[in-house]
């Protein structure tokens, strides 16, 4: 048991250190993320030095039950691929430019429109993709207008990691926790829409109170700085059609007996094949398809599977049972606050893998499942360690030479997330 605990703790500490100190290393033209390597090393150590066997790992990974990391990864990566495809076609950049132009000279109007746009897009796509797309655009716009980017960066990040709770596809943690608990698309939506709405409204007003003084001054920017035509309109239309079909398919998957991961994989496959055929007909190189496939977060595959193996080792030694026994007072509060804090100790994806197992070990109810979903999303706001979105966000600001320290991140994110967490958990208690 001691070896299992030591390996799990060292792996988690290594992940936190990587995120805060050195999240990636540059190798020629490529940036190699370190955190999947740390997780993989932990998984190898778990197999080598604990009672967990290779057979246990294979059985767990390929298991026929709901907690199948391969199916969960397929679902998330398929939806992410569709979102990235739209991004490569210029859809998100086009929308962002329209929002900036619509705001005119008003910082407050820009702030409101940006929050609404990011919120809506995050619901139907992926918070990670939205952050990757909108952050550079915000940084460029603020630099050209000579305004401080903090209000808009914080609003974007808060909106993306709050409204990502609405649908099961908004965040990989939603997918993992809900799927592990056997919750389908519509059941999830029915419960989570009100807590998400409540958290979203609260987060907006907290953000407004934090930045109200900075939002009074006018924006000084030329009209042509926000002129961004759509790169490839036909491909964007194709991507939007597939995304709509995919979302509708997820809603009815429980009624037609088609598993969500398979439905998403089919949609992503149809999109890629259709785009290739369209490129052939138009006598164009499939650049968008190639770039989209290259940007898929493949590092999530070894990362999630490795953390799943570490949790399997904890399961085998009944350590998850011990953790579950500590949650005996109030499932909703304990799992909600616990997942929120734990996300910032180990990142929200490993936390989701662990808490899913703890929920099963403790025979916890649906209140624990949905509270953990809320904590996994809002936990991303507390520090850069909380989610992969935070890691990417910090990397983008550093690359742009913008001063946005970890302390600044915690200060603003903590204010927003604490109030949003309380509001969403309170609303969840009423819903359930």
Protein backbone atom coordinates (compact mmCIF):
# COMPACT_ATOMS: atom_id res chain seq x y z
CA UNK A 1 0.00 0.00 0.00
CA UNK A 2 2.82 2.42 0.87
CA UNK A 3 4.43 2.02 -2.56
CA UNK A 4 1.11 2.69 -4.28
CA UNK A 5 0.51 5.88 -2.29
CA UNK A 6 4.08 7.12 -2.78
CA UNK A 7 3.92 6.61 -6.56
CA UNK A 8 0.54 8.37 -6.81
CA UNK A 9 1.70 11.30 -4.67
CA UNK A 10 5.01 11.70 -6.53
CA UNK A 11 3.21 11.62 -9.88
CA UNK A 12 0.78 14.31 -8.74
CA UNK A 13 3.56 16.48 -7.34
CA UNK A 14 5.49 16.05 -10.58
CA UNK A 15 2.46 17.19 -12.58
CA UNK A 16 2.05 20.32 -10.47
CA UNK A 17 5.76 21.18 -10.72
CA UNK A 18 5.67 20.71 -14.50
CA UNK A 19 2.68 23.01 -14.90
CA UNK A 20 4.10 25.78 -12.72
CA UNK A 21 7.77 25.55 -13.69
CA UNK A 22 8.24 23.84 -17.07
CA UNK A 23 5.05 22.66 -18.82
CA UNK A 24 6.85 21.92 -22.09
CA UNK A 25 10.27 21.75 -23.73
CA UNK A 26 11.22 22.98 -27.18
CA UNK A 27 12.70 20.42 -29.58
CA UNK A 28 13.62 22.16 -32.84
CA UNK A 29 10.29 23.51 -34.14
CA UNK A 30 8.12 21.46 -31.80
CA UNK A 31 7.02 21.99 -28.21
CA UNK A 32 6.84 18.72 -26.29
CA UNK A 33 4.51 18.75 -23.24
CA UNK A 34 6.12 17.18 -20.17
CA UNK A 35 3.04 16.31 -18.12
CA UNK A 36 2.09 13.19 -20.20
CA UNK A 37 5.63 11.89 -19.69
CA UNK A 38 5.36 12.36 -15.92
CA UNK A 39 2.00 10.55 -15.89
CA UNK A 40 3.38 7.73 -18.06
CA UNK A 41 6.36 7.31 -15.72
CA UNK A 42 3.96 7.07 -12.79
CA UNK A 43 1.90 4.40 -14.58
CA UNK A 44 5.00 2.34 -15.41
CA UNK A 45 6.14 2.61 -11.78
CA UNK A 46 2.69 1.49 -10.59
CA UNK A 47 2.89 -1.66 -12.69
CA UNK A 48 6.50 -2.31 -11.72
CA UNK A 49 6.36 -1.70 -7.95
CA UNK A 50 2.77 -2.33 -6.83
CA UNK A 51 0.50 -5.42 -6.92
CA UNK A 52 -1.14 -4.03 -10.08
CA UNK A 53 -0.36 -6.31 -13.03
CA UNK A 54 -0.25 -5.64 -16.76
CA UNK A 55 -3.31 -7.88 -17.14
CA UNK A 56 -5.21 -5.69 -14.66
CA UNK A 57 -4.34 -2.65 -16.76
CA UNK A 58 -5.43 -4.23 -20.03
CA UNK A 59 -8.68 -5.48 -18.51
CA UNK A 60 -9.40 -2.04 -17.04
CA UNK A 61 -8.60 -0.11 -20.22
CA UNK A 62 -10.51 -2.47 -22.52
CA UNK A 63 -13.31 -3.15 -20.05
CA UNK A 64 -16.86 -3.42 -21.35
CA UNK A 65 -18.25 -1.18 -18.60
CA UNK A 66 -18.95 2.54 -18.63
CA UNK A 67 -15.51 3.46 -17.29
CA UNK A 68 -13.63 2.76 -20.49
CA UNK A 69 -10.96 5.42 -21.05
CA UNK A 70 -10.62 4.58 -24.75
CA UNK A 71 -14.31 5.25 -25.42
CA UNK A 72 -14.23 8.43 -23.35
CA UNK A 73 -11.12 9.66 -25.17
CA UNK A 74 -12.68 8.83 -28.54
CA UNK A 75 -15.76 10.88 -27.68
CA UNK A 76 -13.81 13.92 -26.53
CA UNK A 77 -11.19 13.86 -29.29
CA UNK A 78 -13.88 13.44 -31.96
CA UNK A 79 -15.79 16.51 -30.73
CA UNK A 80 -12.52 18.42 -30.35
CA UNK A 81 -11.54 17.51 -33.93
CA UNK A 82 -14.79 19.02 -35.21
CA UNK A 83 -14.15 22.19 -33.18
CA UNK A 84 -10.55 22.46 -34.40
CA UNK A 85 -11.75 21.95 -37.98
CA UNK A 86 -14.05 24.97 -37.59
CA UNK A 87 -11.18 26.93 -36.09
CA UNK A 88 -8.87 26.07 -38.99
CA UNK A 89 -11.58 27.15 -41.42
CA UNK A 90 -11.54 30.54 -39.73
CA UNK A 91 -15.00 30.37 -38.15
CA UNK A 92 -14.03 31.33 -34.58
CA UNK A 93 -11.61 34.02 -35.73
CA UNK A 94 -14.32 35.45 -37.99
CA UNK A 95 -16.81 35.55 -35.11
CA UNK A 96 -14.27 37.13 -32.77
CA UNK A 97 -13.54 39.86 -35.32
CA UNK A 98 -17.27 40.55 -35.71
CA UNK A 99 -17.64 40.84 -31.94
CA UNK A 100 -14.72 43.28 -31.68
CA UNK A 101 -16.11 45.38 -34.52
CA UNK A 102 -19.62 45.34 -33.02
CA UNK A 103 -18.25 46.65 -29.72
CA UNK A 104 -17.07 49.85 -31.40
CA UNK A 105 -15.32 52.22 -28.97
CA UNK A 106 -16.91 50.88 -25.79
CA UNK A 107 -14.83 48.71 -23.46
CA UNK A 108 -17.93 47.67 -21.55
CA UNK A 109 -19.76 46.60 -24.70
CA UNK A 110 -16.67 44.68 -25.82
CA UNK A 111 -16.49 42.99 -22.42
CA UNK A 112 -20.16 41.93 -22.52
CA UNK A 113 -20.10 40.74 -26.15
CA UNK A 114 -16.89 38.79 -25.60
CA UNK A 115 -18.29 37.05 -22.53
CA UNK A 116 -21.52 36.11 -24.33
CA UNK A 117 -19.74 34.90 -27.49
CA UNK A 118 -17.25 32.72 -25.62
CA UNK A 119 -20.04 31.33 -23.43
CA UNK A 120 -22.24 30.31 -26.36
CA UNK A 121 -19.39 28.79 -28.37
CA UNK A 122 -18.05 26.88 -25.37
CA UNK A 123 -21.42 25.22 -24.76
CA UNK A 124 -21.44 23.60 -28.19
CA UNK A 125 -17.73 23.03 -28.80
CA UNK A 126 -14.83 22.73 -26.36
CA UNK A 127 -13.46 25.15 -23.80
CA UNK A 128 -9.86 24.25 -24.69
CA UNK A 129 -10.33 25.07 -28.38
CA UNK A 130 -12.09 28.37 -27.59
CA UNK A 131 -9.26 29.44 -25.27
CA UNK A 132 -6.62 28.49 -27.84
CA UNK A 133 -8.45 30.53 -30.49
CA UNK A 134 -9.67 33.60 -28.63
CA UNK A 135 -6.66 34.30 -26.39
CA UNK A 136 -4.27 35.30 -29.23
CA UNK A 137 -7.03 37.40 -30.83
CA UNK A 138 -7.70 39.24 -27.56
CA UNK A 139 -3.99 39.83 -27.03
CA UNK A 140 -3.55 41.20 -30.56
CA UNK A 141 -6.58 43.47 -30.30
CA UNK A 142 -5.61 44.87 -26.90
CA UNK A 143 -2.09 45.56 -28.11
CA UNK A 144 -3.32 47.40 -31.21
CA UNK A 145 -5.84 49.40 -29.14
CA UNK A 146 -3.28 50.04 -26.38
CA UNK A 147 -5.57 48.76 -23.62
CA UNK A 148 -4.93 46.41 -20.73
CA UNK A 149 -5.92 42.84 -21.69
CA UNK A 150 -6.62 41.55 -18.16
CA UNK A 151 -10.42 42.19 -18.10
CA UNK A 152 -10.95 40.44 -21.43
CA UNK A 153 -8.55 37.56 -20.77
CA UNK A 154 -10.15 36.83 -17.39
CA UNK A 155 -13.67 37.15 -18.86
CA UNK A 156 -12.78 34.75 -21.68
CA UNK A 157 -11.23 32.18 -19.36
CA UNK A 158 -14.04 32.41 -16.81
CA UNK A 159 -16.76 32.11 -19.47
CA UNK A 160 -15.06 29.16 -21.15
CA UNK A 161 -14.64 27.21 -17.92
CA UNK A 162 -18.06 28.04 -16.51
CA UNK A 163 -20.35 27.46 -19.48
CA UNK A 164 -18.41 24.30 -20.38
CA UNK A 165 -20.55 22.62 -17.68
CA UNK A 166 -23.76 22.95 -19.71
CA UNK A 167 -23.29 20.01 -22.09
CA UNK A 168 -21.52 16.72 -21.55
CA UNK A 169 -19.15 17.48 -24.46
CA UNK A 170 -17.95 20.85 -23.10
CA UNK A 171 -15.03 19.44 -21.12
CA UNK A 172 -13.21 16.07 -21.04
CA UNK A 173 -13.94 15.93 -17.30
CA UNK A 174 -17.69 16.10 -17.99
CA UNK A 175 -17.35 13.22 -20.41
CA UNK A 176 -15.36 11.06 -18.03
CA UNK A 177 -17.39 11.67 -14.85
CA UNK A 178 -20.83 11.47 -16.48
CA UNK A 179 -20.02 8.47 -18.68
CA UNK A 180 -18.49 6.59 -15.75
CA UNK A 181 -21.73 7.16 -13.83
CA UNK A 182 -23.89 6.03 -16.76
CA UNK A 183 -25.43 9.49 -17.33
CA UNK A 184 -26.62 10.12 -20.89
CA UNK A 185 -26.63 13.40 -22.84
CA UNK A 186 -30.20 14.51 -22.12
CA UNK A 187 -30.17 13.47 -18.46
CA UNK A 188 -26.99 15.47 -17.99
CA UNK A 189 -28.43 18.53 -19.76
CA UNK A 190 -31.66 18.41 -17.75
CA UNK A 191 -29.78 18.60 -14.45
CA UNK A 192 -26.84 20.84 -15.36
CA UNK A 193 -28.46 23.61 -17.40
CA UNK A 194 -29.75 25.58 -14.39
CA UNK A 195 -26.58 25.28 -12.23
CA UNK A 196 -24.56 26.38 -15.28
CA UNK A 197 -26.84 29.33 -15.93
CA UNK A 198 -26.64 30.32 -12.27
CA UNK A 199 -22.84 30.06 -12.20
CA UNK A 200 -22.59 31.97 -15.50
CA UNK A 201 -24.68 34.90 -14.29
CA UNK A 202 -22.79 35.08 -10.98
CA UNK A 203 -19.39 34.91 -12.69
CA UNK A 204 -20.34 37.73 -15.06
CA UNK A 205 -21.40 40.08 -12.25
CA UNK A 206 -18.30 39.26 -10.19
CA UNK A 207 -16.14 40.00 -13.24
CA UNK A 208 -18.00 43.26 -13.82
CA UNK A 209 -17.43 44.35 -10.21
CA UNK A 210 -13.73 43.49 -10.48
CA UNK A 211 -13.14 45.44 -13.69
CA UNK A 212 -15.89 48.09 -13.75
CA UNK A 213 -13.44 51.00 -13.39
CA UNK A 214 -11.26 49.79 -16.29
CA UNK A 215 -14.31 49.40 -18.55
CA UNK A 216 -15.35 53.07 -18.46
CA UNK A 217 -12.66 54.38 -20.82
CA UNK A 218 -13.16 54.34 -24.63
CA UNK A 219 -11.31 51.99 -26.99
CA UNK A 220 -8.84 53.61 -29.38
CA UNK A 221 -8.62 51.26 -32.36
CA UNK A 222 -8.92 51.63 -36.12
CA UNK A 223 -11.80 49.96 -37.94
CA UNK A 224 -9.56 47.83 -40.18
CA UNK A 225 -7.87 46.12 -37.19
CA UNK A 226 -10.99 43.99 -36.68
CA UNK A 227 -11.55 43.11 -40.35
CA UNK A 228 -11.15 39.32 -40.52
CA UNK A 229 -12.91 37.50 -43.39
CA UNK A 230 -13.70 33.81 -43.03
CA UNK A 231 -10.80 31.75 -44.42
CA UNK A 232 -12.89 28.99 -46.02
CA UNK A 233 -16.66 29.53 -45.94
CA UNK A 234 -17.71 26.20 -47.57
CA UNK A 235 -15.65 24.17 -45.10
CA UNK A 236 -16.99 26.22 -42.18
CA UNK A 237 -20.56 25.55 -43.31
CA UNK A 238 -19.73 21.84 -43.59
CA UNK A 239 -18.21 21.85 -40.11
CA UNK A 240 -21.21 23.65 -38.60
CA UNK A 241 -23.65 21.19 -40.19
CA UNK A 242 -21.70 18.23 -38.81
CA UNK A 243 -21.47 19.85 -35.35
CA UNK A 244 -25.24 20.39 -35.29
CA UNK A 245 -25.87 16.80 -36.41
CA UNK A 246 -23.41 15.53 -33.81
CA UNK A 247 -25.11 17.49 -31.01
CA UNK A 248 -28.57 16.27 -32.06
CA UNK A 249 -27.21 12.73 -32.34
CA UNK A 250 -25.87 12.91 -28.79
CA UNK A 251 -29.30 14.03 -27.58
CA UNK A 252 -31.06 11.03 -29.14
CA UNK A 253 -28.29 8.45 -28.75
CA UNK A 254 -29.86 7.00 -25.62
CA UNK A 255 -33.12 6.36 -27.49
CA UNK A 256 -31.62 4.75 -30.60
CA UNK A 257 -29.15 2.51 -28.77
CA UNK A 258 -26.04 4.16 -30.24
CA UNK A 259 -23.24 4.85 -27.78
CA UNK A 260 -22.15 8.49 -27.57
CA UNK A 261 -18.49 7.79 -28.33
CA UNK A 262 -19.38 5.91 -31.51
CA UNK A 263 -21.80 8.59 -32.70
CA UNK A 264 -19.15 11.30 -32.25
CA UNK A 265 -16.49 9.21 -33.98
CA UNK A 266 -18.80 8.65 -36.95
CA UNK A 267 -19.53 12.39 -37.22
CA UNK A 268 -15.82 13.28 -37.07
CA UNK A 269 -15.04 10.62 -39.69
CA UNK A 270 -17.81 11.87 -42.00
CA UNK A 271 -16.52 15.44 -41.63
CA UNK A 272 -12.95 14.52 -42.55
CA UNK A 273 -13.98 12.38 -45.54
CA UNK A 274 -16.45 15.03 -46.75
CA UNK A 275 -13.82 17.76 -46.44
CA UNK A 276 -11.31 15.70 -48.39
CA UNK A 277 -13.85 15.07 -51.16
CA UNK A 278 -14.77 18.76 -51.21
CA UNK A 279 -11.10 19.72 -51.52
CA UNK A 280 -10.74 17.25 -54.39
CA UNK A 281 -13.75 18.71 -56.21
CA UNK A 282 -12.46 22.25 -55.67
CA UNK A 283 -8.95 21.23 -56.80
CA UNK A 284 -7.46 22.48 -53.54
CA UNK A 285 -5.02 20.90 -51.14
CA UNK A 286 -6.74 19.64 -47.93
CA UNK A 287 -4.81 22.11 -45.78
CA UNK A 288 -7.59 22.61 -43.26
CA UNK A 289 -7.96 18.86 -42.71
CA UNK A 290 -4.22 18.40 -42.34
CA UNK A 291 -3.85 21.24 -39.84
CA UNK A 292 -6.91 20.11 -37.88
CA UNK A 293 -5.61 16.55 -37.57
CA UNK A 294 -2.22 17.91 -36.51
CA UNK A 295 -3.73 20.05 -33.73
CA UNK A 296 -5.75 17.29 -32.06
CA UNK A 297 -4.53 16.96 -28.42
CA UNK A 298 -3.06 13.48 -28.82
CA UNK A 299 -1.10 13.97 -25.58
CA UNK A 300 -4.36 13.41 -23.73
CA UNK A 301 -4.31 9.74 -24.73
CA UNK A 302 -1.19 8.69 -22.76
CA UNK A 303 -2.03 11.21 -20.04
CA UNK A 304 -5.56 9.95 -19.31
CA UNK A 305 -4.67 6.26 -19.70
CA UNK A 306 -1.63 6.65 -17.43
CA UNK A 307 -3.65 8.37 -14.72
CA UNK A 308 -6.34 5.71 -15.11
CA UNK A 309 -3.69 3.04 -14.44
CA UNK A 310 -2.53 4.87 -11.30
CA UNK A 311 -6.15 5.00 -10.06
CA UNK A 312 -6.45 1.27 -10.83
CA UNK A 313 -3.50 0.69 -8.51
CA UNK A 314 -5.23 2.73 -5.79
CA UNK A 315 -8.39 0.73 -6.36
CA UNK A 316 -6.58 -2.58 -6.03
CA UNK A 317 -5.23 -1.55 -2.62
CA UNK A 318 -8.70 -0.28 -1.56
CA UNK A 319 -7.34 3.24 -1.12
CA UNK A 320 -10.29 4.72 -3.03
CA UNK A 321 -12.57 3.04 -0.48
CA UNK A 322 -10.70 4.84 2.30
CA UNK A 323 -11.07 8.17 0.49
CA UNK A 324 -14.79 7.49 -0.12
CA UNK A 325 -15.34 6.80 3.57
CA UNK A 326 -14.21 10.37 4.34
CA UNK A 327 -17.17 11.79 2.39
CA UNK A 328 -19.94 11.06 4.87
CA UNK A 329 -21.46 14.43 5.79
CA UNK A 330 -22.97 15.95 2.63
CA UNK A 331 -22.21 14.46 -0.80
CA UNK A 332 -23.02 17.59 -2.77
CA UNK A 333 -20.85 19.94 -0.71
CA UNK A 334 -17.99 17.49 -0.08
CA UNK A 335 -17.65 16.23 -3.65
CA UNK A 336 -18.17 19.72 -5.10
CA UNK A 337 -15.64 21.48 -2.87
CA UNK A 338 -13.34 18.45 -2.83
CA UNK A 339 -13.14 18.18 -6.62
CA UNK A 340 -12.69 21.97 -6.91
CA UNK A 341 -9.66 21.90 -4.59
CA UNK A 342 -8.28 18.56 -5.83
CA UNK A 343 -8.25 19.87 -9.41
CA UNK A 344 -5.61 22.35 -8.30
CA UNK A 345 -3.50 19.69 -6.66
CA UNK A 346 -3.42 17.20 -9.53
CA UNK A 347 -5.16 18.87 -12.53
CA UNK A 348 -8.85 18.27 -13.22
CA UNK A 349 -8.43 15.30 -15.57
CA UNK A 350 -6.55 13.07 -13.08
CA UNK A 351 -8.95 14.34 -10.42
CA UNK A 352 -11.91 13.20 -12.51
CA UNK A 353 -10.41 9.75 -12.97
CA UNK A 354 -9.81 9.45 -9.21
CA UNK A 355 -13.17 10.89 -8.11
CA UNK A 356 -15.10 8.68 -10.53
CA UNK A 357 -13.55 5.70 -8.82
CA UNK A 358 -14.22 7.19 -5.37
CA UNK A 359 -17.88 7.79 -6.30
CA UNK A 360 -18.20 4.15 -7.33
CA UNK A 361 -16.37 2.87 -4.24
CA UNK A 362 -18.57 4.92 -1.93
CA UNK A 363 -21.83 4.13 -3.76
CA UNK A 364 -22.39 7.88 -3.95
CA UNK A 365 -25.51 9.26 -5.61
CA UNK A 366 -26.06 11.57 -8.57
CA UNK A 367 -25.54 14.63 -6.39
CA UNK A 368 -21.90 13.57 -5.98
CA UNK A 369 -21.55 13.01 -9.74
CA UNK A 370 -22.87 16.43 -10.76
CA UNK A 371 -21.12 18.23 -7.89
CA UNK A 372 -17.83 16.70 -9.07
CA UNK A 373 -18.54 17.91 -12.61
CA UNK A 374 -19.06 21.44 -11.27
CA UNK A 375 -15.89 21.30 -9.20
CA UNK A 376 -13.85 19.98 -12.13
CA UNK A 377 -14.90 22.89 -14.36
CA UNK A 378 -14.76 25.76 -11.87
CA UNK A 379 -11.57 24.38 -10.32
CA UNK A 380 -9.85 25.40 -13.56
CA UNK A 381 -10.35 29.04 -12.57
CA UNK A 382 -8.48 28.86 -9.28
CA UNK A 383 -4.96 28.33 -10.64
CA UNK A 384 -3.13 27.34 -13.86
CA UNK A 385 -2.71 23.85 -12.38
CA UNK A 386 -6.47 23.29 -12.41
CA UNK A 387 -6.85 22.34 -16.07
CA UNK A 388 -5.05 21.92 -19.38
CA UNK A 389 -6.85 25.10 -20.45
CA UNK A 390 -4.95 26.99 -17.75
CA UNK A 391 -1.64 25.56 -18.95
CA UNK A 392 -2.37 26.63 -22.55
CA UNK A 393 -3.66 30.04 -21.45
CA UNK A 394 -0.51 30.78 -19.44
CA UNK A 395 1.71 29.63 -22.30
CA UNK A 396 -0.07 31.93 -24.77
CA UNK A 397 0.21 35.00 -22.53
CA UNK A 398 3.89 34.32 -21.87
CA UNK A 399 4.57 33.89 -25.57
CA UNK A 400 2.89 37.23 -26.27
CA UNK A 401 5.02 38.95 -23.62
CA UNK A 402 1.99 39.85 -21.49
CA UNK A 403 2.49 40.01 -17.73
CA UNK A 404 -0.14 37.70 -16.28
CA UNK A 405 1.49 35.93 -13.34
CA UNK A 406 0.23 32.90 -11.44
CA UNK A 407 -0.61 35.22 -8.53
CA UNK A 408 -2.75 37.39 -10.81
CA UNK A 409 -4.43 34.27 -12.16
CA UNK A 410 -5.24 33.03 -8.64
CA UNK A 411 -6.41 36.43 -7.43
CA UNK A 412 -8.96 36.99 -10.20
CA UNK A 413 -9.84 33.33 -10.77
CA UNK A 414 -10.30 32.69 -7.06
CA UNK A 415 -12.77 35.57 -6.68
CA UNK A 416 -14.86 34.43 -9.64
CA UNK A 417 -14.74 30.69 -8.97
CA UNK A 418 -15.60 30.73 -5.25
CA UNK A 419 -18.83 32.67 -5.78
CA UNK A 420 -19.70 30.68 -8.91
CA UNK A 421 -19.08 27.39 -7.07
CA UNK A 422 -21.35 28.37 -4.20
CA UNK A 423 -24.10 29.52 -6.57
CA UNK A 424 -23.97 26.45 -8.83
CA UNK A 425 -23.88 23.95 -5.94
CA UNK A 426 -26.79 25.76 -4.31
CA UNK A 427 -28.76 25.61 -7.54
CA UNK A 428 -27.84 21.92 -7.99
CA UNK A 429 -29.23 21.19 -4.54
CA UNK A 430 -32.55 22.74 -5.59
CA UNK A 431 -32.61 20.89 -8.92
CA UNK A 432 -31.94 17.51 -7.33
